[in-house]
């Protein structure tokens, strides 16, 4: 039986070289720093309060149930516009966005006695509701990665 002796520094060097030659592991489609959905809100009647933007990924409870909101952003209006930026959304997902111009900044969507909106609102795809809130399917858009920009015109 022949035994050979390999000094520890030589063995460590051989392991470092072997590790550098091994293929690196690449994860499929990691979120990039530029992955975002930008919602430009136009048509505000004032710069009062704030604009609250909500992003849904499921038709359940759309557009009123806050339990189904996957992301929220608050923006301060300037020159009767506002911009909400949703960072790192999931790629390959269908989303729908809802905006609310909370003019008195009380975090409540004001309605009159008949249930009609008293504050500004809007939906992705600029869907105009008729007699009831629009469906998720009417407002949905696909997000494939990178930067996606939407424009929503506020309705009063």
N, C-alpha and C. Protein backbone atom coordinates (compact mmCIF):
# COMPACT_ATOMS: atom_id res chain seq x y z
N UNK A 1 0.85 -1.15 0.00
CA UNK A 1 0.00 0.00 0.00
C UNK A 1 0.90 1.22 0.00
N UNK A 2 0.66 2.11 -0.95
CA UNK A 2 1.45 3.33 -1.06
C UNK A 2 0.56 4.50 -0.69
N UNK A 3 1.05 5.31 0.22
CA UNK A 3 0.32 6.51 0.61
C UNK A 3 1.06 7.71 0.09
N UNK A 4 0.28 8.67 -0.43
CA UNK A 4 0.94 9.90 -0.87
C UNK A 4 0.50 11.04 0.04
N UNK A 5 1.35 11.98 0.20
CA UNK A 5 1.09 13.10 1.07
C UNK A 5 0.93 14.34 0.20
N UNK A 6 -0.23 15.04 0.34
CA UNK A 6 -0.47 16.28 -0.40
C UNK A 6 -0.59 17.39 0.63
N UNK A 7 0.30 18.37 0.59
CA UNK A 7 0.24 19.47 1.55
C UNK A 7 -1.10 20.21 1.44
N UNK A 8 -1.64 20.70 2.55
CA UNK A 8 -2.94 21.38 2.60
C UNK A 8 -3.03 22.57 1.64
N UNK A 9 -2.00 23.43 1.50
CA UNK A 9 -2.12 24.54 0.58
C UNK A 9 -2.28 24.09 -0.88
N UNK A 10 -1.64 23.01 -1.26
CA UNK A 10 -1.76 22.49 -2.63
C UNK A 10 -3.17 21.96 -2.85
N UNK A 11 -3.71 21.24 -1.86
CA UNK A 11 -5.05 20.70 -1.97
C UNK A 11 -6.08 21.83 -2.06
N UNK A 12 -5.93 22.88 -1.25
CA UNK A 12 -6.86 24.01 -1.26
C UNK A 12 -6.82 24.71 -2.61
N UNK A 13 -5.61 24.89 -3.16
CA UNK A 13 -5.47 25.52 -4.48
C UNK A 13 -6.15 24.71 -5.56
N UNK A 14 -6.05 23.40 -5.51
CA UNK A 14 -6.69 22.54 -6.50
C UNK A 14 -8.20 22.66 -6.40
N UNK A 15 -8.75 22.77 -5.19
CA UNK A 15 -10.20 22.92 -5.02
C UNK A 15 -10.70 24.26 -5.57
N UNK A 16 -9.93 25.32 -5.37
CA UNK A 16 -10.31 26.65 -5.89
C UNK A 16 -10.33 26.61 -7.41
N UNK A 17 -9.33 26.00 -8.04
CA UNK A 17 -9.28 25.91 -9.50
C UNK A 17 -10.45 25.08 -10.01
N UNK A 18 -10.76 23.98 -9.35
CA UNK A 18 -11.88 23.13 -9.78
C UNK A 18 -13.20 23.88 -9.65
N UNK A 19 -13.37 24.65 -8.59
CA UNK A 19 -14.60 25.42 -8.39
C UNK A 19 -14.75 26.49 -9.45
N UNK A 20 -13.64 27.11 -9.87
CA UNK A 20 -13.72 28.15 -10.89
C UNK A 20 -14.04 27.58 -12.27
N UNK A 21 -13.75 26.32 -12.49
CA UNK A 21 -14.04 25.70 -13.78
C UNK A 21 -15.45 25.13 -13.84
N UNK A 22 -16.11 24.98 -12.68
CA UNK A 22 -17.47 24.42 -12.65
C UNK A 22 -18.44 25.42 -13.24
N UNK A 23 -19.47 24.93 -13.92
CA UNK A 23 -20.46 25.86 -14.49
C UNK A 23 -21.20 26.60 -13.39
N UNK A 24 -21.48 27.89 -13.62
CA UNK A 24 -22.20 28.66 -12.61
C UNK A 24 -23.70 28.39 -12.74
N UNK A 25 -24.40 28.52 -11.64
CA UNK A 25 -25.84 28.28 -11.62
C UNK A 25 -26.54 29.59 -11.97
N UNK A 26 -27.44 29.55 -12.94
CA UNK A 26 -28.18 30.73 -13.35
C UNK A 26 -29.65 30.46 -13.07
N UNK A 27 -30.28 31.39 -12.35
CA UNK A 27 -31.70 31.25 -12.04
C UNK A 27 -32.51 31.83 -13.19
N UNK A 28 -33.57 31.17 -13.58
CA UNK A 28 -34.40 31.62 -14.69
C UNK A 28 -35.18 32.88 -14.31
N UNK A 29 -35.06 33.90 -15.14
CA UNK A 29 -35.81 35.14 -15.02
C UNK A 29 -35.87 35.73 -13.61
N UNK A 30 -34.74 36.06 -13.00
CA UNK A 30 -34.82 36.71 -11.70
C UNK A 30 -35.36 38.13 -11.89
N UNK A 31 -36.04 38.70 -10.88
CA UNK A 31 -36.54 40.05 -11.04
C UNK A 31 -35.36 41.02 -11.24
N UNK A 32 -35.47 41.84 -12.24
CA UNK A 32 -34.43 42.83 -12.51
C UNK A 32 -34.78 44.14 -11.82
N UNK A 33 -33.77 44.96 -11.61
CA UNK A 33 -33.98 46.24 -10.94
C UNK A 33 -34.95 47.11 -11.73
N UNK A 34 -35.01 46.92 -13.05
CA UNK A 34 -35.90 47.75 -13.86
C UNK A 34 -37.28 47.15 -14.04
N UNK A 35 -37.58 46.02 -13.40
CA UNK A 35 -38.93 45.44 -13.48
C UNK A 35 -39.89 46.33 -12.72
N UNK A 36 -40.81 46.95 -13.47
CA UNK A 36 -41.78 47.82 -12.82
C UNK A 36 -42.96 48.12 -13.74
N UNK A 37 -44.05 48.45 -13.11
CA UNK A 37 -45.23 48.91 -13.81
C UNK A 37 -45.43 50.36 -13.40
N UNK A 38 -45.43 51.25 -14.38
CA UNK A 38 -45.58 52.68 -14.12
C UNK A 38 -46.98 53.10 -14.57
N UNK A 39 -47.73 53.68 -13.64
CA UNK A 39 -49.09 54.15 -13.94
C UNK A 39 -49.09 55.67 -13.87
N UNK A 40 -49.29 56.29 -15.03
CA UNK A 40 -49.39 57.75 -15.10
C UNK A 40 -50.87 58.10 -15.01
N UNK A 41 -51.23 58.89 -14.00
CA UNK A 41 -52.61 59.28 -13.76
C UNK A 41 -52.79 60.71 -14.25
N UNK A 42 -53.73 60.91 -15.15
CA UNK A 42 -53.99 62.24 -15.70
C UNK A 42 -55.44 62.63 -15.42
N UNK A 43 -55.75 63.90 -15.71
CA UNK A 43 -57.12 64.38 -15.58
C UNK A 43 -57.58 64.66 -14.16
N UNK A 44 -56.65 64.83 -13.23
CA UNK A 44 -57.04 65.17 -11.87
C UNK A 44 -57.62 66.59 -11.85
N UNK A 45 -58.63 66.82 -11.03
CA UNK A 45 -59.23 68.16 -11.01
C UNK A 45 -58.51 69.11 -10.07
N UNK A 46 -57.60 68.55 -9.26
CA UNK A 46 -56.82 69.39 -8.35
C UNK A 46 -55.55 68.65 -7.93
N UNK A 47 -54.69 69.37 -7.24
CA UNK A 47 -53.49 68.76 -6.67
C UNK A 47 -53.69 68.46 -5.17
N UNK A 48 -54.92 68.48 -4.72
CA UNK A 48 -55.22 68.22 -3.31
C UNK A 48 -55.10 66.72 -3.00
N UNK A 49 -54.78 66.44 -1.75
CA UNK A 49 -54.76 65.05 -1.27
C UNK A 49 -53.70 64.19 -1.91
N UNK A 50 -54.08 62.96 -2.24
CA UNK A 50 -53.14 62.02 -2.84
C UNK A 50 -53.88 61.11 -3.81
N UNK A 51 -53.10 60.41 -4.63
CA UNK A 51 -53.65 59.42 -5.55
C UNK A 51 -53.22 58.07 -5.02
N UNK A 52 -54.17 57.19 -4.86
CA UNK A 52 -53.90 55.84 -4.36
C UNK A 52 -54.11 54.85 -5.50
N UNK A 53 -53.09 54.07 -5.77
CA UNK A 53 -53.13 53.10 -6.86
C UNK A 53 -53.06 51.70 -6.27
N UNK A 54 -53.90 50.83 -6.78
CA UNK A 54 -53.94 49.43 -6.32
C UNK A 54 -53.77 48.51 -7.51
N UNK A 55 -53.03 47.42 -7.30
CA UNK A 55 -52.78 46.44 -8.35
C UNK A 55 -53.37 45.11 -7.92
N UNK A 56 -54.22 44.55 -8.76
CA UNK A 56 -54.87 43.25 -8.51
C UNK A 56 -54.28 42.21 -9.47
N UNK A 57 -54.20 40.96 -9.02
CA UNK A 57 -53.77 39.88 -9.91
C UNK A 57 -54.81 38.76 -9.98
N UNK A 58 -56.01 39.05 -9.46
CA UNK A 58 -57.05 38.03 -9.38
C UNK A 58 -58.40 38.71 -9.52
N UNK A 59 -59.32 38.14 -10.30
CA UNK A 59 -60.63 38.75 -10.44
C UNK A 59 -61.48 38.72 -9.18
N UNK A 60 -61.13 37.86 -8.23
CA UNK A 60 -61.90 37.77 -6.99
C UNK A 60 -61.87 39.10 -6.25
N UNK A 61 -63.03 39.66 -6.04
CA UNK A 61 -63.13 40.90 -5.27
C UNK A 61 -62.76 42.16 -6.01
N UNK A 62 -62.41 42.06 -7.29
CA UNK A 62 -62.04 43.25 -8.06
C UNK A 62 -63.27 44.08 -8.31
N UNK A 63 -63.25 45.37 -8.18
CA UNK A 63 -62.16 46.25 -7.78
C UNK A 63 -62.28 46.80 -6.37
N UNK A 64 -63.11 46.20 -5.53
CA UNK A 64 -63.36 46.82 -4.23
C UNK A 64 -62.73 46.10 -3.04
N UNK A 65 -62.50 44.81 -3.13
CA UNK A 65 -62.00 44.04 -1.99
C UNK A 65 -60.49 44.22 -1.83
N UNK A 66 -60.10 44.91 -0.79
CA UNK A 66 -58.69 45.21 -0.55
C UNK A 66 -57.86 43.97 -0.21
N UNK A 67 -58.51 42.86 0.16
CA UNK A 67 -57.77 41.64 0.48
C UNK A 67 -57.09 41.05 -0.75
N UNK A 68 -57.58 41.41 -1.93
CA UNK A 68 -57.03 40.85 -3.17
C UNK A 68 -56.06 41.80 -3.87
N UNK A 69 -55.69 42.88 -3.21
CA UNK A 69 -54.71 43.82 -3.77
C UNK A 69 -53.32 43.25 -3.51
N UNK A 70 -52.50 43.13 -4.57
CA UNK A 70 -51.15 42.59 -4.41
C UNK A 70 -50.11 43.68 -4.19
N UNK A 71 -50.44 44.93 -4.54
CA UNK A 71 -49.52 46.04 -4.31
C UNK A 71 -50.31 47.35 -4.26
N UNK A 72 -49.85 48.26 -3.41
CA UNK A 72 -50.46 49.59 -3.28
C UNK A 72 -49.35 50.63 -3.36
N UNK A 73 -49.70 51.74 -3.99
CA UNK A 73 -48.76 52.87 -4.06
C UNK A 73 -49.56 54.14 -3.85
N UNK A 74 -48.98 55.07 -3.11
CA UNK A 74 -49.58 56.39 -2.90
C UNK A 74 -48.68 57.42 -3.58
N UNK A 75 -49.30 58.32 -4.35
CA UNK A 75 -48.55 59.36 -5.06
C UNK A 75 -49.14 60.73 -4.73
N UNK A 76 -48.28 61.73 -4.72
CA UNK A 76 -48.71 63.10 -4.47
C UNK A 76 -48.92 63.78 -5.83
N UNK A 77 -50.10 64.35 -6.05
CA UNK A 77 -50.36 65.01 -7.34
C UNK A 77 -49.54 66.28 -7.52
N UNK A 78 -49.19 66.53 -8.78
CA UNK A 78 -48.50 67.77 -9.15
C UNK A 78 -48.94 68.10 -10.56
N UNK A 79 -49.36 69.33 -10.78
CA UNK A 79 -49.84 69.77 -12.09
C UNK A 79 -50.98 68.88 -12.59
N UNK A 80 -51.83 68.47 -11.68
CA UNK A 80 -53.01 67.65 -11.96
C UNK A 80 -52.69 66.30 -12.60
N UNK A 81 -51.51 65.78 -12.27
CA UNK A 81 -51.11 64.43 -12.68
C UNK A 81 -50.42 63.76 -11.49
N UNK A 82 -50.27 62.47 -11.57
CA UNK A 82 -49.54 61.71 -10.54
C UNK A 82 -48.97 60.47 -11.20
N UNK A 83 -47.92 59.92 -10.59
CA UNK A 83 -47.30 58.71 -11.12
C UNK A 83 -47.13 57.69 -10.00
N UNK A 84 -47.67 56.50 -10.22
CA UNK A 84 -47.52 55.39 -9.27
C UNK A 84 -46.57 54.37 -9.90
N UNK A 85 -45.58 53.92 -9.14
CA UNK A 85 -44.61 52.95 -9.65
C UNK A 85 -44.68 51.70 -8.79
N UNK A 86 -45.05 50.59 -9.42
CA UNK A 86 -45.06 49.29 -8.75
C UNK A 86 -43.75 48.59 -9.09
N UNK A 87 -42.93 48.33 -8.09
CA UNK A 87 -41.61 47.73 -8.30
C UNK A 87 -41.66 46.22 -8.16
N UNK A 88 -40.90 45.55 -9.00
CA UNK A 88 -40.71 44.10 -8.98
C UNK A 88 -41.99 43.28 -9.05
N UNK A 89 -42.90 43.60 -10.00
CA UNK A 89 -44.07 42.73 -10.16
C UNK A 89 -43.65 41.38 -10.73
N UNK A 90 -44.49 40.37 -10.53
CA UNK A 90 -44.19 39.04 -11.07
C UNK A 90 -44.33 39.05 -12.58
N UNK A 91 -43.36 38.47 -13.25
CA UNK A 91 -43.40 38.35 -14.71
C UNK A 91 -44.40 37.28 -15.12
N UNK A 92 -44.99 37.47 -16.31
CA UNK A 92 -45.93 36.48 -16.83
C UNK A 92 -47.29 36.52 -16.15
N UNK A 93 -47.59 37.59 -15.47
CA UNK A 93 -48.82 37.70 -14.69
C UNK A 93 -49.79 38.66 -15.39
N UNK A 94 -51.08 38.44 -15.20
CA UNK A 94 -52.10 39.39 -15.65
C UNK A 94 -52.49 40.23 -14.45
N UNK A 95 -52.54 41.55 -14.66
CA UNK A 95 -52.88 42.49 -13.60
C UNK A 95 -54.00 43.40 -14.06
N UNK A 96 -54.62 44.07 -13.11
CA UNK A 96 -55.56 45.17 -13.37
C UNK A 96 -55.29 46.23 -12.31
N UNK A 97 -55.30 47.50 -12.74
CA UNK A 97 -55.00 48.60 -11.83
C UNK A 97 -56.25 49.45 -11.60
N UNK A 98 -56.34 49.98 -10.37
CA UNK A 98 -57.42 50.88 -9.98
C UNK A 98 -56.77 52.10 -9.34
N UNK A 99 -57.25 53.30 -9.71
CA UNK A 99 -56.74 54.52 -9.06
C UNK A 99 -57.89 55.23 -8.37
N UNK A 100 -57.55 55.98 -7.33
CA UNK A 100 -58.52 56.74 -6.53
C UNK A 100 -57.87 58.06 -6.17
N UNK A 101 -58.47 59.18 -6.59
CA UNK A 101 -57.97 60.49 -6.18
C UNK A 101 -58.62 60.83 -4.84
N UNK A 102 -57.88 60.59 -3.79
CA UNK A 102 -58.35 60.81 -2.42
C UNK A 102 -58.09 62.27 -2.06
N UNK A 103 -58.97 63.15 -2.52
CA UNK A 103 -58.74 64.60 -2.40
C UNK A 103 -58.65 65.08 -0.96
N UNK A 104 -59.39 64.46 -0.05
CA UNK A 104 -59.31 64.88 1.35
C UNK A 104 -58.34 64.01 2.16
N UNK A 105 -57.66 63.10 1.49
CA UNK A 105 -56.60 62.26 2.08
C UNK A 105 -57.04 61.51 3.33
N UNK A 106 -58.28 60.98 3.31
CA UNK A 106 -58.76 60.23 4.47
C UNK A 106 -58.73 58.73 4.25
N UNK A 107 -58.19 58.28 3.09
CA UNK A 107 -58.06 56.87 2.74
C UNK A 107 -59.42 56.16 2.63
N UNK A 108 -60.46 56.94 2.27
CA UNK A 108 -61.80 56.40 2.07
C UNK A 108 -62.30 56.91 0.72
N UNK A 109 -62.87 56.01 -0.07
CA UNK A 109 -63.44 56.40 -1.36
C UNK A 109 -64.84 56.94 -1.09
N UNK A 110 -65.00 58.24 -1.23
CA UNK A 110 -66.25 58.92 -0.90
C UNK A 110 -67.32 58.64 -1.96
N UNK A 111 -68.53 58.29 -1.47
CA UNK A 111 -69.69 58.07 -2.34
C UNK A 111 -70.88 58.84 -1.76
N UNK A 112 -71.82 59.20 -2.62
CA UNK A 112 -73.01 59.87 -2.14
C UNK A 112 -74.03 58.83 -1.65
N UNK A 113 -75.23 59.29 -1.26
CA UNK A 113 -76.25 58.40 -0.70
C UNK A 113 -76.71 57.34 -1.70
N UNK A 114 -76.57 57.61 -3.00
CA UNK A 114 -76.96 56.64 -4.02
C UNK A 114 -75.81 55.70 -4.41
N UNK A 115 -74.64 55.90 -3.78
CA UNK A 115 -73.48 55.05 -4.08
C UNK A 115 -72.63 55.55 -5.23
N UNK A 116 -72.95 56.75 -5.74
CA UNK A 116 -72.18 57.32 -6.85
C UNK A 116 -70.87 57.92 -6.31
N UNK A 117 -69.76 57.73 -7.04
CA UNK A 117 -68.47 58.26 -6.58
C UNK A 117 -68.48 59.79 -6.46
N UNK A 118 -67.86 60.28 -5.39
CA UNK A 118 -67.69 61.71 -5.19
C UNK A 118 -66.23 62.12 -5.35
N UNK A 119 -65.35 61.14 -5.48
CA UNK A 119 -63.93 61.42 -5.70
C UNK A 119 -63.52 60.74 -7.00
N UNK A 120 -62.39 61.17 -7.53
CA UNK A 120 -61.92 60.64 -8.80
C UNK A 120 -61.50 59.18 -8.71
N UNK A 121 -61.67 58.47 -9.83
CA UNK A 121 -61.31 57.05 -9.90
C UNK A 121 -60.95 56.73 -11.35
N UNK A 122 -60.35 55.58 -11.56
CA UNK A 122 -60.03 55.13 -12.91
C UNK A 122 -59.53 53.70 -12.89
N UNK A 123 -59.52 53.09 -14.07
CA UNK A 123 -59.13 51.70 -14.22
C UNK A 123 -58.15 51.54 -15.36
N UNK A 124 -57.31 50.50 -15.29
CA UNK A 124 -56.41 50.21 -16.40
C UNK A 124 -57.24 49.98 -17.66
N UNK A 125 -56.62 50.22 -18.79
CA UNK A 125 -57.27 50.19 -20.11
C UNK A 125 -58.30 51.31 -20.25
N UNK A 126 -58.32 52.24 -19.29
CA UNK A 126 -59.27 53.36 -19.27
C UNK A 126 -60.71 52.90 -19.47
N UNK A 127 -61.02 51.77 -18.86
CA UNK A 127 -62.38 51.24 -18.94
C UNK A 127 -63.32 52.22 -18.23
N UNK A 128 -64.40 52.55 -18.91
CA UNK A 128 -65.44 53.44 -18.35
C UNK A 128 -66.58 52.58 -17.83
N UNK A 129 -66.80 52.58 -16.53
CA UNK A 129 -67.89 51.78 -15.99
C UNK A 129 -69.25 52.33 -16.42
N UNK A 130 -70.20 51.44 -16.64
CA UNK A 130 -71.58 51.82 -16.95
C UNK A 130 -72.48 51.11 -15.96
N UNK A 131 -73.02 51.85 -15.04
CA UNK A 131 -73.95 51.37 -14.01
C UNK A 131 -73.32 50.48 -12.94
N UNK A 132 -72.15 49.92 -13.19
CA UNK A 132 -71.48 49.11 -12.16
C UNK A 132 -69.98 49.10 -12.45
N UNK A 133 -69.23 48.61 -11.49
CA UNK A 133 -67.78 48.54 -11.65
C UNK A 133 -67.42 47.58 -12.80
N UNK A 134 -66.34 47.85 -13.50
CA UNK A 134 -65.94 46.96 -14.60
C UNK A 134 -65.38 45.65 -14.09
N UNK A 135 -65.28 44.68 -14.97
CA UNK A 135 -64.72 43.38 -14.61
C UNK A 135 -63.20 43.42 -14.66
N UNK A 136 -62.59 42.47 -13.98
CA UNK A 136 -61.14 42.31 -14.01
C UNK A 136 -60.69 42.07 -15.45
N UNK A 137 -61.44 41.23 -16.17
CA UNK A 137 -61.07 40.88 -17.54
C UNK A 137 -61.04 42.10 -18.44
N UNK A 138 -61.95 43.05 -18.25
CA UNK A 138 -61.98 44.26 -19.07
C UNK A 138 -60.78 45.17 -18.77
N UNK A 139 -60.28 45.13 -17.55
CA UNK A 139 -59.19 46.01 -17.13
C UNK A 139 -57.81 45.35 -17.17
N UNK A 140 -57.75 44.05 -17.37
CA UNK A 140 -56.48 43.34 -17.25
C UNK A 140 -55.49 43.67 -18.36
N UNK A 141 -54.22 43.53 -18.02
CA UNK A 141 -53.13 43.65 -18.97
C UNK A 141 -52.08 42.63 -18.56
N UNK A 142 -51.26 42.22 -19.51
CA UNK A 142 -50.21 41.23 -19.23
C UNK A 142 -48.91 41.94 -18.94
N UNK A 143 -48.19 41.41 -17.95
CA UNK A 143 -46.87 41.94 -17.61
C UNK A 143 -45.84 40.86 -17.91
N UNK A 144 -44.93 41.14 -18.84
CA UNK A 144 -43.93 40.16 -19.23
C UNK A 144 -42.55 40.43 -18.69
N UNK A 145 -42.35 41.54 -18.01
CA UNK A 145 -41.05 41.90 -17.47
C UNK A 145 -40.60 43.24 -18.01
N UNK A 146 -39.53 43.76 -17.43
CA UNK A 146 -39.03 45.07 -17.85
C UNK A 146 -39.93 46.17 -17.33
N UNK A 147 -40.05 47.21 -18.13
CA UNK A 147 -40.86 48.35 -17.73
C UNK A 147 -42.12 48.42 -18.60
N UNK A 148 -43.26 48.46 -17.95
CA UNK A 148 -44.55 48.62 -18.63
C UNK A 148 -45.17 49.91 -18.14
N UNK A 149 -45.63 50.74 -19.07
CA UNK A 149 -46.25 52.01 -18.71
C UNK A 149 -47.71 52.01 -19.11
N UNK A 150 -48.54 52.50 -18.21
CA UNK A 150 -49.97 52.65 -18.45
C UNK A 150 -50.35 54.10 -18.20
N UNK A 151 -51.40 54.53 -18.84
CA UNK A 151 -51.96 55.85 -18.58
C UNK A 151 -53.43 55.66 -18.21
N UNK A 152 -53.82 56.23 -17.08
CA UNK A 152 -55.21 56.15 -16.64
C UNK A 152 -55.75 57.57 -16.49
N UNK A 153 -56.86 57.83 -17.17
CA UNK A 153 -57.53 59.13 -17.08
C UNK A 153 -58.54 59.07 -15.95
N UNK A 154 -58.47 60.05 -15.05
CA UNK A 154 -59.34 60.09 -13.89
C UNK A 154 -60.76 60.50 -14.30
N UNK A 155 -61.74 59.83 -13.73
CA UNK A 155 -63.16 60.13 -13.95
C UNK A 155 -63.74 60.69 -12.65
N UNK A 156 -64.64 61.64 -12.79
CA UNK A 156 -65.31 62.22 -11.60
C UNK A 156 -66.81 62.11 -11.78
